N, C-alpha and C. Protein backbone atom coordinates (compact mmCIF):
# COMPACT_ATOMS: atom_id res chain seq x y z
N UNK A 1 -5.40 -8.70 13.71
CA UNK A 1 -5.36 -8.90 12.22
C UNK A 1 -6.27 -8.36 11.52
N UNK A 2 -6.11 -7.90 10.31
CA UNK A 2 -6.97 -6.93 9.48
C UNK A 2 -8.12 -7.97 8.97
N UNK A 3 -9.11 -7.29 8.65
CA UNK A 3 -10.32 -8.08 8.21
C UNK A 3 -10.23 -7.71 6.72
N UNK A 4 -9.92 -9.00 5.85
CA UNK A 4 -9.89 -8.81 4.54
C UNK A 4 -10.93 -9.67 3.93
N UNK A 5 -12.09 -9.71 4.39
CA UNK A 5 -13.43 -10.32 3.91
C UNK A 5 -13.81 -9.76 2.51
N UNK A 6 -13.79 -8.55 2.73
CA UNK A 6 -14.30 -7.67 1.51
C UNK A 6 -13.50 -8.04 0.54
N UNK A 7 -11.99 -8.29 0.45
CA UNK A 7 -11.12 -8.65 -0.72
C UNK A 7 -11.74 -10.12 -1.46
N UNK A 8 -11.89 -10.74 -0.46
CA UNK A 8 -12.05 -12.20 -0.98
C UNK A 8 -13.47 -12.31 -1.75
N UNK A 9 -14.47 -11.26 -1.49
CA UNK A 9 -15.82 -11.35 -2.14
C UNK A 9 -15.71 -10.66 -3.20
N UNK A 10 -14.57 -9.86 -3.49
CA UNK A 10 -14.45 -8.96 -4.84
C UNK A 10 -14.14 -10.10 -6.13
N UNK A 11 -14.80 -9.56 -7.34
CA UNK A 11 -14.75 -10.41 -8.62
C UNK A 11 -13.61 -9.91 -9.26
N UNK A 12 -12.44 -10.25 -8.62
CA UNK A 12 -11.19 -10.08 -9.37
C UNK A 12 -10.28 -11.19 -9.18
N UNK A 13 -9.09 -11.33 -9.83
CA UNK A 13 -8.12 -12.33 -9.89
C UNK A 13 -7.44 -12.62 -8.44
N UNK A 14 -6.97 -13.75 -8.20
CA UNK A 14 -6.62 -13.96 -6.91
C UNK A 14 -5.18 -12.77 -6.65
N UNK A 15 -4.52 -12.84 -7.88
CA UNK A 15 -3.11 -12.01 -7.97
C UNK A 15 -3.58 -10.43 -7.58
N UNK A 16 -4.87 -10.07 -8.05
CA UNK A 16 -5.39 -8.77 -7.74
C UNK A 16 -5.75 -8.75 -6.56
N UNK A 17 -6.22 -9.76 -5.78
CA UNK A 17 -6.72 -9.86 -4.35
C UNK A 17 -5.33 -9.59 -3.51
N UNK A 18 -4.13 -10.54 -3.82
CA UNK A 18 -2.93 -10.22 -3.21
C UNK A 18 -2.74 -8.74 -3.32
N UNK A 19 -2.45 -8.06 -4.23
CA UNK A 19 -2.01 -7.00 -4.49
C UNK A 19 -2.87 -5.91 -3.80
N UNK A 20 -4.21 -6.08 -3.54
CA UNK A 20 -5.25 -5.26 -2.71
C UNK A 20 -4.68 -5.59 -1.47
N UNK A 21 -4.57 -6.48 -0.92
CA UNK A 21 -4.04 -6.84 0.35
C UNK A 21 -2.77 -6.15 0.74
N UNK A 22 -1.59 -6.13 -0.08
CA UNK A 22 -0.39 -5.74 0.12
C UNK A 22 -0.61 -4.09 0.04
N UNK A 23 -1.56 -3.55 -0.92
CA UNK A 23 -1.51 -2.09 -0.79
C UNK A 23 -2.45 -1.61 0.56
N UNK A 24 -3.24 -2.26 1.04
CA UNK A 24 -4.01 -2.08 2.15
C UNK A 24 -2.99 -2.17 3.48
N UNK A 25 -2.06 -2.94 3.48
CA UNK A 25 -1.14 -3.37 4.55
C UNK A 25 -0.04 -1.84 4.36
N UNK A 26 0.09 -1.46 3.40
CA UNK A 26 1.28 -0.44 2.93
C UNK A 26 0.59 0.80 2.64
N UNK A 27 -0.70 1.04 3.06
CA UNK A 27 -1.37 2.34 2.56
C UNK A 27 -0.84 3.75 2.56
N UNK A 28 0.11 3.70 3.85
CA UNK A 28 0.51 5.02 4.20
C UNK A 28 1.92 5.38 3.30
N UNK A 29 2.32 4.42 2.71
CA UNK A 29 3.79 4.21 2.32
C UNK A 29 3.81 4.46 0.57
N UNK A 30 4.73 4.91 0.02
CA UNK A 30 4.91 5.17 -1.27
C UNK A 30 5.53 3.52 -1.76
N UNK A 31 4.95 3.07 -2.57
CA UNK A 31 5.27 1.60 -2.96
C UNK A 31 5.69 1.52 -4.49
N UNK A 32 6.64 1.20 -4.66
CA UNK A 32 7.01 0.76 -6.30
C UNK A 32 6.47 -0.46 -6.85
N UNK A 33 6.62 -0.47 -8.07
CA UNK A 33 6.01 -1.59 -8.68
C UNK A 33 6.89 -2.92 -8.43
N UNK A 34 8.31 -2.35 -8.34
CA UNK A 34 9.31 -3.51 -7.94
C UNK A 34 9.14 -4.06 -6.60
N UNK A 35 8.81 -3.08 -5.54
CA UNK A 35 8.65 -3.37 -4.22
C UNK A 35 7.23 -4.59 -4.17
N UNK A 36 6.28 -4.30 -4.79
CA UNK A 36 5.23 -5.07 -4.78
C UNK A 36 5.47 -6.76 -5.53
N UNK A 37 5.99 -6.43 -6.67
CA UNK A 37 6.57 -7.57 -7.14
C UNK A 37 7.46 -8.67 -6.42
N UNK A 38 8.35 -7.96 -5.81
CA UNK A 38 9.36 -8.72 -4.75
C UNK A 38 8.68 -9.28 -3.68
N UNK A 39 8.01 -8.47 -3.08
CA UNK A 39 7.23 -8.62 -1.75
C UNK A 39 6.20 -9.78 -2.07
N UNK A 40 5.66 -9.67 -3.25
CA UNK A 40 4.33 -10.71 -3.65
C UNK A 40 4.82 -11.98 -4.29
N UNK A 41 6.26 -11.83 -4.58
CA UNK A 41 6.63 -13.03 -5.61
C UNK A 41 6.15 -13.27 -7.09
N UNK A 42 5.95 -12.08 -7.65
CA UNK A 42 5.23 -12.04 -8.81
C UNK A 42 6.08 -11.07 -9.61
N UNK A 43 5.95 -10.94 -11.08
CA UNK A 43 6.84 -9.99 -11.82
C UNK A 43 6.28 -8.90 -11.91
N UNK A 44 7.18 -7.79 -12.17
CA UNK A 44 6.98 -6.19 -12.14
C UNK A 44 5.93 -6.01 -13.18
N UNK A 45 5.89 -6.79 -14.38
CA UNK A 45 4.98 -6.67 -15.41
C UNK A 45 3.65 -7.09 -15.02
N UNK A 46 3.57 -8.03 -14.20
CA UNK A 46 2.22 -8.57 -13.69
C UNK A 46 1.68 -7.69 -12.71
N UNK A 47 2.47 -7.03 -11.88
CA UNK A 47 2.18 -5.79 -10.79
C UNK A 47 1.42 -4.74 -11.80
N UNK A 48 2.31 -4.21 -12.59
CA UNK A 48 1.63 -3.21 -13.62
C UNK A 48 0.33 -3.50 -14.19
N UNK A 49 0.06 -4.65 -14.77
CA UNK A 49 -0.90 -5.10 -15.43
C UNK A 49 -2.19 -4.97 -14.51
N UNK A 50 -1.92 -5.58 -13.12
CA UNK A 50 -3.09 -5.85 -12.20
C UNK A 50 -3.40 -4.35 -11.69
N UNK A 51 -2.46 -3.63 -11.40
CA UNK A 51 -2.52 -2.23 -10.76
C UNK A 51 -3.48 -1.53 -11.60
N UNK A 52 -3.02 -1.59 -12.91
CA UNK A 52 -3.88 -0.63 -14.13
C UNK A 52 -5.67 -1.11 -14.01
N UNK A 53 -5.65 -2.66 -14.18
CA UNK A 53 -6.91 -3.30 -14.02
C UNK A 53 -7.75 -2.80 -12.84
N UNK A 54 -7.13 -2.86 -11.57
CA UNK A 54 -7.66 -2.53 -10.38
C UNK A 54 -8.05 -0.70 -10.53
N UNK A 55 -7.20 -0.04 -10.91
CA UNK A 55 -7.44 1.49 -10.97
C UNK A 55 -8.60 1.52 -11.91
N UNK A 56 -8.65 0.89 -13.25
CA UNK A 56 -9.98 0.93 -14.19
C UNK A 56 -11.10 0.47 -13.49
N UNK A 57 -11.05 -0.48 -12.68
CA UNK A 57 -12.41 -0.68 -11.93
C UNK A 57 -12.80 -0.01 -10.83
N UNK A 58 -11.83 0.92 -10.59
CA UNK A 58 -12.13 1.88 -9.39
C UNK A 58 -11.96 1.34 -8.04
N UNK A 59 -10.98 0.15 -7.94
CA UNK A 59 -10.82 -0.63 -6.66
C UNK A 59 -9.84 0.14 -5.86
N UNK A 60 -8.95 0.96 -6.70
CA UNK A 60 -7.59 1.60 -5.91
C UNK A 60 -7.66 2.76 -6.59
N UNK A 61 -6.84 3.68 -6.00
CA UNK A 61 -6.73 4.92 -6.56
C UNK A 61 -5.13 5.28 -6.60
N UNK A 62 -4.48 5.36 -7.64
CA UNK A 62 -3.17 5.65 -7.73
C UNK A 62 -2.66 7.32 -7.73
N UNK A 63 -1.92 7.45 -6.61
CA UNK A 63 -1.53 8.82 -6.38
C UNK A 63 0.06 9.18 -6.87
N UNK A 64 0.13 9.85 -7.91
CA UNK A 64 1.62 10.09 -8.24
C UNK A 64 2.15 11.08 -7.23
N UNK A 65 3.64 10.57 -7.26
CA UNK A 65 4.23 11.57 -6.39
C UNK A 65 5.65 12.19 -7.03
N UNK A 66 6.06 13.42 -6.73
CA UNK A 66 7.21 14.03 -7.33
C UNK A 66 7.97 14.58 -6.39
N UNK A 67 9.32 14.48 -6.49
CA UNK A 67 10.37 15.11 -5.32
C UNK A 67 9.96 16.80 -5.63
N UNK A 68 10.96 17.41 -4.95
CA UNK A 68 11.35 19.00 -5.22
C UNK A 68 11.52 19.38 -6.54
N UNK A 69 12.12 18.44 -7.41
CA UNK A 69 12.88 18.83 -8.64
C UNK A 69 11.84 18.41 -9.67
N UNK A 70 10.92 17.71 -9.17
CA UNK A 70 9.91 17.25 -10.32
C UNK A 70 10.00 15.91 -10.92
N UNK A 71 10.93 15.26 -10.12
CA UNK A 71 11.42 13.79 -10.54
C UNK A 71 10.49 12.88 -9.91
N UNK A 72 9.86 11.79 -10.69
CA UNK A 72 9.01 10.79 -10.36
C UNK A 72 9.54 10.12 -8.99
N UNK A 73 8.64 9.84 -8.00
CA UNK A 73 8.97 8.88 -7.04
C UNK A 73 8.03 7.89 -7.00
N UNK A 74 8.21 6.59 -6.19
CA UNK A 74 7.16 5.62 -6.06
C UNK A 74 5.73 6.18 -5.74
N UNK A 75 4.76 5.44 -6.23
CA UNK A 75 3.48 6.20 -6.14
C UNK A 75 2.93 5.79 -4.64
N UNK A 76 1.75 6.36 -4.53
CA UNK A 76 1.31 5.60 -3.24
C UNK A 76 -0.09 5.26 -3.72
N UNK A 77 -0.87 4.39 -3.17
CA UNK A 77 -1.99 3.88 -3.45
C UNK A 77 -3.07 3.77 -2.46
N UNK A 78 -4.59 4.08 -2.82
CA UNK A 78 -5.35 3.87 -1.88
C UNK A 78 -6.46 2.89 -2.17
N UNK A 79 -6.76 2.10 -1.35
CA UNK A 79 -7.90 1.06 -1.51
C UNK A 79 -9.24 1.96 -1.37
N UNK A 80 -10.26 1.84 -2.37
CA UNK A 80 -11.63 2.47 -2.09
C UNK A 80 -12.38 1.73 -1.50
């Protein structure tokens, strides 16, 4: 089991902590907002708001991905 102690010590909301843990568990995968929302049992809009806050706080990095035609694909995220 991964050590999540660093997440619990962060000064962010419980939902943000849940999203951080989810992202750290799925770090090598491209993850859609809908995937996070469904798996964490929260709304897509809530995910969007918390991911933006986490990016603004420098706690995660959002990596945009495109297919060969330039169409947007689900993003990948890195926990800093």
